[in-house]
Amino acid sequence: ATTPAALEFALLQSWLASSSALQLPLHQIESQQQAKGIELQRLLLQDHLQHRGNGDVGPA
């Protein structure tokens, strides 16, 4: 099964290779990649927590 994180990563790869991204100045690519990367990290953590199941996940 494809996870939301895997889908987000594929979308990020696709966007970086797109003609619209290739026309952007580098600072805009970096800014958008950073935002998309934060979302990807959030989804990876969410997938991890769901994989652990219900219960104690340790201190916050």
C-alpha atoms as a PDB file:
ATOM      1  CA  ALA A   1       0.000   0.000   0.000  1.00  0.00           C
ATOM      2  CA  THR A   2       1.227   3.473  -0.828  1.00  0.00           C
ATOM      3  CA  THR A   3       1.507   5.676   2.238  1.00  0.00           C
ATOM      4  CA  PRO A   4       0.616   9.369   2.284  1.00  0.00           C
ATOM      5  CA  ALA A   5       4.319  10.105   2.878  1.00  0.00           C
ATOM      6  CA  ALA A   6       5.373   8.077  -0.171  1.00  0.00           C
ATOM      7  CA  LEU A   7       2.788   9.896  -2.278  1.00  0.00           C
ATOM      8  CA  GLU A   8       3.959  13.289  -0.994  1.00  0.00           C
ATOM      9  CA  PHE A   9       7.580  12.375  -1.794  1.00  0.00           C
ATOM     10  CA  ALA A  10       6.617  11.335  -5.335  1.00  0.00           C
ATOM     11  CA  LEU A  11       4.731  14.603  -5.782  1.00  0.00           C
ATOM     12  CA  LEU A  12       7.774  16.559  -4.585  1.00  0.00           C
ATOM     13  CA  GLN A  13      10.039  14.709  -7.023  1.00  0.00           C
ATOM     14  CA  SER A  14       7.589  15.307  -9.843  1.00  0.00           C
ATOM     15  CA  TRP A  15       7.229  18.988  -9.000  1.00  0.00           C
ATOM     16  CA  LEU A  16      11.015  19.503  -8.875  1.00  0.00           C
ATOM     17  CA  ALA A  17      11.322  18.012 -12.378  1.00  0.00           C
ATOM     18  CA  SER A  18       8.357  19.946 -13.785  1.00  0.00           C
ATOM     19  CA  SER A  19       8.746  22.639 -16.412  1.00  0.00           C
ATOM     20  CA  SER A  20       7.098  25.188 -14.118  1.00  0.00           C
ATOM     21  CA  ALA A  21       9.610  24.529 -11.311  1.00  0.00           C
ATOM     22  CA  LEU A  22      12.522  24.650 -13.744  1.00  0.00           C
ATOM     23  CA  GLN A  23      11.513  28.224 -14.632  1.00  0.00           C
ATOM     24  CA  LEU A  24      11.463  29.471 -11.033  1.00  0.00           C
ATOM     25  CA  PRO A  25      14.371  31.295  -9.431  1.00  0.00           C
ATOM     26  CA  LEU A  26      16.395  29.080  -7.110  1.00  0.00           C
ATOM     27  CA  HIS A  27      15.292  30.920  -3.951  1.00  0.00           C
ATOM     28  CA  GLN A  28      11.636  30.151  -4.738  1.00  0.00           C
ATOM     29  CA  ILE A  29      12.443  26.474  -5.340  1.00  0.00           C
ATOM     30  CA  GLU A  30      14.288  26.319  -2.008  1.00  0.00           C
ATOM     31  CA  SER A  31      11.418  27.994  -0.177  1.00  0.00           C
ATOM     32  CA  GLN A  32       8.752  25.729  -1.657  1.00  0.00           C
ATOM     33  CA  GLN A  33      10.905  22.625  -1.222  1.00  0.00           C
ATOM     34  CA  GLN A  34      11.417  23.495   2.437  1.00  0.00           C
ATOM     35  CA  ALA A  35       7.665  23.819   3.027  1.00  0.00           C
ATOM     36  CA  LYS A  36       6.936  20.599   1.144  1.00  0.00           C
ATOM     37  CA  GLY A  37       9.755  18.866   3.043  1.00  0.00           C
ATOM     38  CA  ILE A  38       8.265  19.841   6.398  1.00  0.00           C
ATOM     39  CA  GLU A  39       4.938  18.353   5.316  1.00  0.00           C
ATOM     40  CA  LEU A  40       6.730  15.192   4.171  1.00  0.00           C
ATOM     41  CA  GLN A  41       8.430  14.865   7.568  1.00  0.00           C
ATOM     42  CA  ARG A  42       5.081  15.316   9.313  1.00  0.00           C
ATOM     43  CA  LEU A  43       3.538  12.568   7.191  1.00  0.00           C
ATOM     44  CA  LEU A  44       6.496  10.251   7.866  1.00  0.00           C
ATOM     45  CA  LEU A  45       6.062  10.741  11.615  1.00  0.00           C
ATOM     46  CA  GLN A  46       2.311  10.210  11.317  1.00  0.00           C
ATOM     47  CA  ASP A  47       2.902   6.956   9.403  1.00  0.00           C
ATOM     48  CA  HIS A  48       5.358   5.852  12.083  1.00  0.00           C
ATOM     49  CA  LEU A  49       2.909   6.582  14.902  1.00  0.00           C
ATOM     50  CA  GLN A  50       0.109   4.746  13.111  1.00  0.00           C
ATOM     51  CA  HIS A  51       2.426   1.786  12.576  1.00  0.00           C
ATOM     52  CA  ARG A  52       3.167   1.699  16.319  1.00  0.00           C
ATOM     53  CA  GLY A  53      -0.546   1.471  17.032  1.00  0.00           C
ATOM     54  CA  ASN A  54      -2.420   2.680  20.079  1.00  0.00           C
ATOM     55  CA  GLY A  55      -0.552   2.942  23.323  1.00  0.00           C
ATOM     56  CA  ASP A  56       2.267   4.776  24.984  1.00  0.00           C
ATOM     57  CA  VAL A  57       4.490   6.602  22.518  1.00  0.00           C
ATOM     58  CA  GLY A  58       6.772   7.920  25.237  1.00  0.00           C
ATOM     59  CA  PRO A  59       7.354  11.413  26.546  1.00  0.00           C
ATOM     60  CA  ALA A  60       6.404  14.350  24.370  1.00  0.00           C
END
